[in-house]
Amino acid sequence: QVQLVESGGGLVQAGGSLRLSCAASGRTISNVAMAWFRQAPGKEREFVAAINWSGTSTGYADSMKGRVTISRDSAKNTVYLQMNSLKPEDTAVYYCASRLAIFSPYTYKPNEYAYWGQGTQVTVSS
């Protein structure tokens, strides 16, 4: 069992930046793929970014490419999401998620992730 806790959300003006963190406890996440998703009110949860277990491969949603960077620090058992040039449409609750099986590849589908954090609110004002 792994517990994930997101932090770093908040209110930012359009064009600003935020760095989200996802700290894991209960087991190491150094050997599993991790991802960030987001969910805006009235919308389905959508993929934002993912990183493989070794940190050598990443994937991004088309809407976020060039504006976000996912990274991981195995020593800290933490995954990060650096978000730049934020837009009002980026307003959502952001969740980190972990795959269950070690060394399995990342995916874009939320139902293929076993563990989830409680989410952190990101609000971008115009």
N, C-alpha and C. Protein backbone atom coordinates (compact mmCIF):
# COMPACT_ATOMS: atom_id res chain seq x y z
N GLN A 1 0.84 -1.18 0.00
CA GLN A 1 0.00 0.00 0.00
C GLN A 1 0.88 1.24 0.00
N VAL A 2 0.52 2.21 -0.79
CA VAL A 2 1.27 3.46 -0.83
C VAL A 2 0.30 4.62 -0.61
N GLN A 3 0.73 5.57 0.16
CA GLN A 3 -0.03 6.79 0.38
C GLN A 3 0.63 7.93 -0.39
N LEU A 4 -0.18 8.70 -1.09
CA LEU A 4 0.32 9.82 -1.89
C LEU A 4 -0.29 11.12 -1.37
N VAL A 5 0.55 12.11 -1.19
CA VAL A 5 0.08 13.41 -0.70
C VAL A 5 0.59 14.50 -1.62
N GLU A 6 -0.35 15.20 -2.26
CA GLU A 6 0.02 16.30 -3.14
C GLU A 6 0.10 17.61 -2.37
N SER A 7 0.93 18.50 -2.87
CA SER A 7 1.02 19.84 -2.29
C SER A 7 1.51 20.79 -3.37
N GLY A 8 1.42 22.08 -3.09
CA GLY A 8 1.94 23.08 -4.01
C GLY A 8 0.90 23.81 -4.82
N GLY A 9 -0.36 23.39 -4.70
CA GLY A 9 -1.41 24.09 -5.44
C GLY A 9 -1.68 25.46 -4.83
N GLY A 10 -2.53 26.22 -5.51
CA GLY A 10 -2.86 27.55 -5.00
C GLY A 10 -3.47 28.41 -6.08
N LEU A 11 -3.55 29.69 -5.78
CA LEU A 11 -4.11 30.67 -6.70
C LEU A 11 -2.97 31.40 -7.39
N VAL A 12 -3.02 31.47 -8.70
CA VAL A 12 -1.97 32.13 -9.48
C VAL A 12 -2.61 32.87 -10.64
N GLN A 13 -1.99 33.94 -11.05
CA GLN A 13 -2.50 34.69 -12.20
C GLN A 13 -2.12 33.99 -13.50
N ALA A 14 -2.89 34.23 -14.52
CA ALA A 14 -2.58 33.69 -15.84
C ALA A 14 -1.15 34.08 -16.23
N GLY A 15 -0.44 33.10 -16.77
CA GLY A 15 0.95 33.32 -17.14
C GLY A 15 1.93 32.94 -16.04
N GLY A 16 1.41 32.66 -14.86
CA GLY A 16 2.26 32.31 -13.73
C GLY A 16 2.66 30.85 -13.73
N SER A 17 3.38 30.48 -12.67
CA SER A 17 3.92 29.13 -12.54
C SER A 17 3.60 28.55 -11.18
N LEU A 18 3.53 27.24 -11.14
CA LEU A 18 3.39 26.50 -9.89
C LEU A 18 4.19 25.21 -10.01
N ARG A 19 4.67 24.74 -8.87
CA ARG A 19 5.34 23.45 -8.83
C ARG A 19 4.59 22.57 -7.85
N LEU A 20 3.99 21.52 -8.35
CA LEU A 20 3.28 20.58 -7.51
C LEU A 20 4.22 19.45 -7.09
N SER A 21 4.01 18.98 -5.87
CA SER A 21 4.78 17.85 -5.36
C SER A 21 3.83 16.73 -4.96
N CYS A 22 4.32 15.52 -5.09
CA CYS A 22 3.57 14.34 -4.68
C CYS A 22 4.52 13.47 -3.87
N ALA A 23 4.33 13.46 -2.56
CA ALA A 23 5.18 12.70 -1.67
C ALA A 23 4.54 11.36 -1.36
N ALA A 24 5.32 10.31 -1.49
CA ALA A 24 4.82 8.97 -1.26
C ALA A 24 5.35 8.41 0.05
N SER A 25 4.52 7.60 0.68
CA SER A 25 4.94 6.90 1.90
C SER A 25 4.33 5.51 1.89
N GLY A 26 4.88 4.64 2.71
CA GLY A 26 4.36 3.28 2.80
C GLY A 26 5.14 2.29 1.97
N ARG A 27 5.67 2.74 0.86
CA ARG A 27 6.55 1.92 0.03
C ARG A 27 7.26 2.84 -0.95
N THR A 28 8.32 2.32 -1.51
CA THR A 28 9.03 3.13 -2.49
C THR A 28 8.24 3.23 -3.78
N ILE A 29 8.34 4.38 -4.44
CA ILE A 29 7.74 4.53 -5.77
C ILE A 29 8.82 4.61 -6.83
N SER A 30 10.04 4.27 -6.45
CA SER A 30 11.16 4.39 -7.39
C SER A 30 11.10 3.37 -8.51
N ASN A 31 10.27 2.34 -8.36
CA ASN A 31 10.20 1.29 -9.38
C ASN A 31 8.82 1.21 -10.05
N VAL A 32 8.03 2.27 -9.91
CA VAL A 32 6.71 2.28 -10.56
C VAL A 32 6.52 3.58 -11.35
N ALA A 33 5.72 3.47 -12.39
CA ALA A 33 5.37 4.66 -13.16
C ALA A 33 4.41 5.53 -12.37
N MET A 34 4.55 6.83 -12.56
CA MET A 34 3.72 7.80 -11.85
C MET A 34 3.10 8.75 -12.86
N ALA A 35 1.99 9.35 -12.48
CA ALA A 35 1.32 10.28 -13.39
C ALA A 35 0.60 11.37 -12.61
N TRP A 36 0.29 12.43 -13.33
CA TRP A 36 -0.56 13.50 -12.83
C TRP A 36 -1.81 13.56 -13.71
N PHE A 37 -2.93 13.71 -13.04
CA PHE A 37 -4.21 13.92 -13.71
C PHE A 37 -4.84 15.17 -13.12
N ARG A 38 -5.88 15.65 -13.77
CA ARG A 38 -6.61 16.79 -13.22
C ARG A 38 -8.10 16.63 -13.51
N GLN A 39 -8.88 17.29 -12.67
CA GLN A 39 -10.32 17.24 -12.85
C GLN A 39 -10.92 18.60 -12.51
N ALA A 40 -11.56 19.18 -13.50
CA ALA A 40 -12.26 20.45 -13.32
C ALA A 40 -13.72 20.16 -12.98
N PRO A 41 -14.40 21.10 -12.33
CA PRO A 41 -15.80 20.88 -11.99
C PRO A 41 -16.65 20.52 -13.20
N GLY A 42 -17.42 19.45 -13.06
CA GLY A 42 -18.31 19.03 -14.14
C GLY A 42 -17.64 18.31 -15.28
N LYS A 43 -16.34 18.05 -15.14
CA LYS A 43 -15.61 17.38 -16.21
C LYS A 43 -15.00 16.08 -15.71
N GLU A 44 -14.65 15.22 -16.66
CA GLU A 44 -14.01 13.97 -16.31
C GLU A 44 -12.55 14.21 -15.95
N ARG A 45 -12.00 13.27 -15.19
CA ARG A 45 -10.58 13.35 -14.87
C ARG A 45 -9.78 13.14 -16.15
N GLU A 46 -8.76 13.98 -16.35
CA GLU A 46 -8.00 13.89 -17.58
C GLU A 46 -6.50 13.80 -17.30
N PHE A 47 -5.81 13.16 -18.19
CA PHE A 47 -4.37 12.96 -18.09
C PHE A 47 -3.63 14.27 -18.29
N VAL A 48 -2.57 14.46 -17.51
CA VAL A 48 -1.73 15.65 -17.65
C VAL A 48 -0.31 15.24 -18.06
N ALA A 49 0.30 14.35 -17.27
CA ALA A 49 1.69 13.97 -17.54
C ALA A 49 2.00 12.67 -16.82
N ALA A 50 3.01 11.95 -17.32
CA ALA A 50 3.42 10.70 -16.70
C ALA A 50 4.91 10.50 -16.88
N ILE A 51 5.47 9.67 -16.01
CA ILE A 51 6.90 9.39 -16.06
C ILE A 51 7.12 7.93 -15.74
N ASN A 52 8.05 7.31 -16.45
CA ASN A 52 8.29 5.90 -16.19
C ASN A 52 9.08 5.71 -14.90
N TRP A 53 9.27 4.45 -14.53
CA TRP A 53 9.84 4.17 -13.22
C TRP A 53 11.26 4.72 -13.07
N SER A 54 12.01 4.73 -14.18
CA SER A 54 13.41 5.16 -14.10
C SER A 54 13.59 6.65 -14.35
N GLY A 55 12.51 7.31 -14.78
CA GLY A 55 12.62 8.74 -15.07
C GLY A 55 13.18 9.04 -16.44
N THR A 56 13.37 8.03 -17.26
CA THR A 56 13.98 8.23 -18.57
C THR A 56 12.98 8.49 -19.68
N SER A 57 11.70 8.33 -19.37
CA SER A 57 10.66 8.54 -20.38
C SER A 57 9.49 9.27 -19.76
N THR A 58 8.97 10.25 -20.48
CA THR A 58 7.84 11.03 -20.00
C THR A 58 6.80 11.19 -21.11
N GLY A 59 5.59 11.47 -20.70
CA GLY A 59 4.51 11.72 -21.65
C GLY A 59 3.65 12.87 -21.17
N TYR A 60 3.12 13.63 -22.10
CA TYR A 60 2.34 14.81 -21.75
C TYR A 60 1.08 14.89 -22.59
N ALA A 61 0.03 15.45 -21.98
CA ALA A 61 -1.18 15.76 -22.73
C ALA A 61 -0.86 16.86 -23.74
N ASP A 62 -1.50 16.79 -24.88
CA ASP A 62 -1.23 17.80 -25.93
C ASP A 62 -1.49 19.21 -25.41
N SER A 63 -2.50 19.35 -24.58
CA SER A 63 -2.86 20.68 -24.07
C SER A 63 -1.82 21.25 -23.12
N MET A 64 -0.93 20.37 -22.63
CA MET A 64 0.05 20.82 -21.64
C MET A 64 1.48 20.81 -22.17
N LYS A 65 1.70 20.23 -23.34
CA LYS A 65 3.07 20.12 -23.87
C LYS A 65 3.73 21.48 -23.99
N GLY A 66 4.97 21.53 -23.55
CA GLY A 66 5.72 22.77 -23.61
C GLY A 66 5.50 23.67 -22.42
N ARG A 67 4.50 23.34 -21.60
CA ARG A 67 4.19 24.17 -20.44
C ARG A 67 4.41 23.44 -19.13
N VAL A 68 4.51 22.11 -19.16
CA VAL A 68 4.68 21.36 -17.92
C VAL A 68 5.84 20.39 -18.06
N THR A 69 6.45 20.09 -16.92
CA THR A 69 7.52 19.12 -16.86
C THR A 69 7.30 18.23 -15.65
N ILE A 70 7.28 16.92 -15.88
CA ILE A 70 7.18 15.98 -14.78
C ILE A 70 8.57 15.44 -14.47
N SER A 71 8.85 15.26 -13.20
CA SER A 71 10.15 14.74 -12.80
C SER A 71 9.97 13.94 -11.51
N ARG A 72 11.02 13.22 -11.15
CA ARG A 72 10.94 12.42 -9.92
C ARG A 72 12.27 12.44 -9.21
N ASP A 73 12.21 12.31 -7.90
CA ASP A 73 13.40 12.23 -7.06
C ASP A 73 13.24 10.97 -6.21
N SER A 74 13.93 9.94 -6.60
CA SER A 74 13.77 8.65 -5.91
C SER A 74 14.25 8.72 -4.46
N ALA A 75 15.26 9.50 -4.23
CA ALA A 75 15.79 9.62 -2.86
C ALA A 75 14.74 10.22 -1.93
N LYS A 76 13.91 11.09 -2.47
CA LYS A 76 12.87 11.73 -1.67
C LYS A 76 11.52 11.05 -1.83
N ASN A 77 11.48 10.02 -2.68
CA ASN A 77 10.22 9.30 -2.92
C ASN A 77 9.11 10.27 -3.33
N THR A 78 9.46 11.17 -4.22
CA THR A 78 8.57 12.28 -4.58
C THR A 78 8.58 12.48 -6.09
N VAL A 79 7.41 12.88 -6.59
CA VAL A 79 7.26 13.24 -8.00
C VAL A 79 6.80 14.69 -8.06
N TYR A 80 7.25 15.39 -9.08
CA TYR A 80 6.94 16.81 -9.21
C TYR A 80 6.26 17.09 -10.54
N LEU A 81 5.52 18.20 -10.56
CA LEU A 81 4.94 18.70 -11.80
C LEU A 81 5.18 20.21 -11.83
N GLN A 82 6.09 20.63 -12.68
CA GLN A 82 6.36 22.05 -12.86
C GLN A 82 5.44 22.57 -13.96
N MET A 83 4.64 23.57 -13.63
CA MET A 83 3.68 24.11 -14.58
C MET A 83 3.99 25.59 -14.83
N ASN A 84 4.16 25.96 -16.08
CA ASN A 84 4.46 27.33 -16.47
C ASN A 84 3.39 27.85 -17.42
N SER A 85 3.38 29.14 -17.62
CA SER A 85 2.44 29.78 -18.55
C SER A 85 1.01 29.29 -18.32
N LEU A 86 0.61 29.30 -17.07
CA LEU A 86 -0.70 28.77 -16.72
C LEU A 86 -1.83 29.61 -17.30
N LYS A 87 -2.91 28.92 -17.65
CA LYS A 87 -4.08 29.55 -18.24
C LYS A 87 -5.30 29.32 -17.33
N PRO A 88 -6.31 30.16 -17.42
CA PRO A 88 -7.51 29.93 -16.61
C PRO A 88 -8.12 28.55 -16.82
N GLU A 89 -7.99 28.01 -18.02
CA GLU A 89 -8.55 26.68 -18.29
C GLU A 89 -7.75 25.55 -17.63
N ASP A 90 -6.63 25.88 -17.02
CA ASP A 90 -5.87 24.89 -16.26
C ASP A 90 -6.41 24.74 -14.85
N THR A 91 -7.39 25.55 -14.49
CA THR A 91 -7.98 25.47 -13.15
C THR A 91 -8.63 24.11 -12.95
N ALA A 92 -8.22 23.41 -11.90
CA ALA A 92 -8.70 22.05 -11.63
C ALA A 92 -8.09 21.57 -10.33
N VAL A 93 -8.58 20.43 -9.88
CA VAL A 93 -7.89 19.70 -8.81
C VAL A 93 -6.91 18.76 -9.50
N TYR A 94 -5.66 18.81 -9.06
CA TYR A 94 -4.61 18.00 -9.64
C TYR A 94 -4.29 16.83 -8.72
N TYR A 95 -4.26 15.64 -9.32
CA TYR A 95 -4.02 14.42 -8.56
C TYR A 95 -2.77 13.71 -9.07
N CYS A 96 -2.00 13.13 -8.16
CA CYS A 96 -0.95 12.23 -8.61
C CYS A 96 -1.43 10.81 -8.41
N ALA A 97 -0.87 9.92 -9.19
CA ALA A 97 -1.30 8.53 -9.17
C ALA A 97 -0.11 7.62 -9.43
N SER A 98 -0.21 6.42 -8.89
CA SER A 98 0.87 5.44 -9.00
C SER A 98 0.33 4.15 -9.60
N ARG A 99 1.12 3.57 -10.48
CA ARG A 99 0.76 2.25 -10.98
C ARG A 99 1.09 1.23 -9.90
N LEU A 100 0.46 0.06 -10.00
CA LEU A 100 0.64 -0.98 -9.02
C LEU A 100 1.87 -1.84 -9.30
N ALA A 101 1.98 -2.31 -10.53
CA ALA A 101 3.04 -3.27 -10.85
C ALA A 101 4.36 -2.56 -11.10
N ILE A 102 5.41 -3.09 -10.50
CA ILE A 102 6.72 -2.47 -10.69
C ILE A 102 7.17 -2.67 -12.13
N PHE A 103 7.89 -1.67 -12.60
CA PHE A 103 8.47 -1.66 -13.94
C PHE A 103 7.44 -1.64 -15.07
N SER A 104 6.17 -1.51 -14.74
CA SER A 104 5.16 -1.43 -15.80
C SER A 104 5.22 -0.03 -16.42
N PRO A 105 4.86 0.09 -17.69
CA PRO A 105 4.96 1.40 -18.35
C PRO A 105 3.87 2.36 -17.87
N TYR A 106 4.09 3.64 -18.09
CA TYR A 106 3.03 4.58 -17.77
C TYR A 106 1.95 4.50 -18.83
N THR A 107 0.74 4.89 -18.43
CA THR A 107 -0.37 4.94 -19.37
C THR A 107 -1.09 6.28 -19.22
N TYR A 108 -2.04 6.51 -20.09
CA TYR A 108 -2.81 7.75 -20.06
C TYR A 108 -4.19 7.54 -19.42
N LYS A 109 -4.46 6.31 -19.01
CA LYS A 109 -5.80 5.97 -18.53
C LYS A 109 -5.85 5.96 -17.02
N PRO A 110 -6.70 6.76 -16.42
CA PRO A 110 -6.75 6.82 -14.96
C PRO A 110 -7.11 5.49 -14.31
N ASN A 111 -7.91 4.66 -14.97
CA ASN A 111 -8.31 3.40 -14.33
C ASN A 111 -7.18 2.37 -14.29
N GLU A 112 -6.03 2.70 -14.86
CA GLU A 112 -4.89 1.79 -14.81
C GLU A 112 -3.90 2.19 -13.72
N TYR A 113 -4.29 3.15 -12.90
CA TYR A 113 -3.47 3.55 -11.76
C TYR A 113 -4.16 3.09 -10.48
N ALA A 114 -3.37 2.51 -9.59
CA ALA A 114 -3.94 1.87 -8.41
C ALA A 114 -4.07 2.81 -7.22
N TYR A 115 -3.14 3.73 -7.07
CA TYR A 115 -3.11 4.59 -5.88
C TYR A 115 -3.22 6.05 -6.29
N TRP A 116 -3.97 6.78 -5.47
CA TRP A 116 -4.23 8.19 -5.77
C TRP A 116 -4.06 9.04 -4.52
N GLY A 117 -3.63 10.26 -4.73
CA GLY A 117 -3.62 11.22 -3.64
C GLY A 117 -4.98 11.88 -3.52
N GLN A 118 -5.07 12.80 -2.56
CA GLN A 118 -6.34 13.47 -2.30
C GLN A 118 -6.54 14.68 -3.22
N GLY A 119 -5.49 15.09 -3.89
CA GLY A 119 -5.59 16.19 -4.84
C GLY A 119 -5.19 17.53 -4.24
N THR A 120 -4.77 18.44 -5.09
CA THR A 120 -4.44 19.79 -4.68
C THR A 120 -5.07 20.75 -5.69
N GLN A 121 -5.72 21.79 -5.17
CA GLN A 121 -6.46 22.72 -6.03
C GLN A 121 -5.51 23.72 -6.69
N VAL A 122 -5.66 23.87 -7.99
CA VAL A 122 -4.95 24.89 -8.74
C VAL A 122 -5.99 25.81 -9.36
N THR A 123 -5.89 27.09 -9.05
CA THR A 123 -6.82 28.07 -9.59
C THR A 123 -6.03 29.15 -10.31
N VAL A 124 -6.35 29.36 -11.58
CA VAL A 124 -5.65 30.35 -12.39
C VAL A 124 -6.62 31.48 -12.72
N SER A 125 -6.30 32.66 -12.27
CA SER A 125 -7.18 33.81 -12.52
C SER A 125 -6.76 34.54 -13.80
N SER A 126 -7.74 35.12 -14.48
CA SER A 126 -7.45 35.83 -15.73
C SER A 126 -7.11 37.28 -15.49
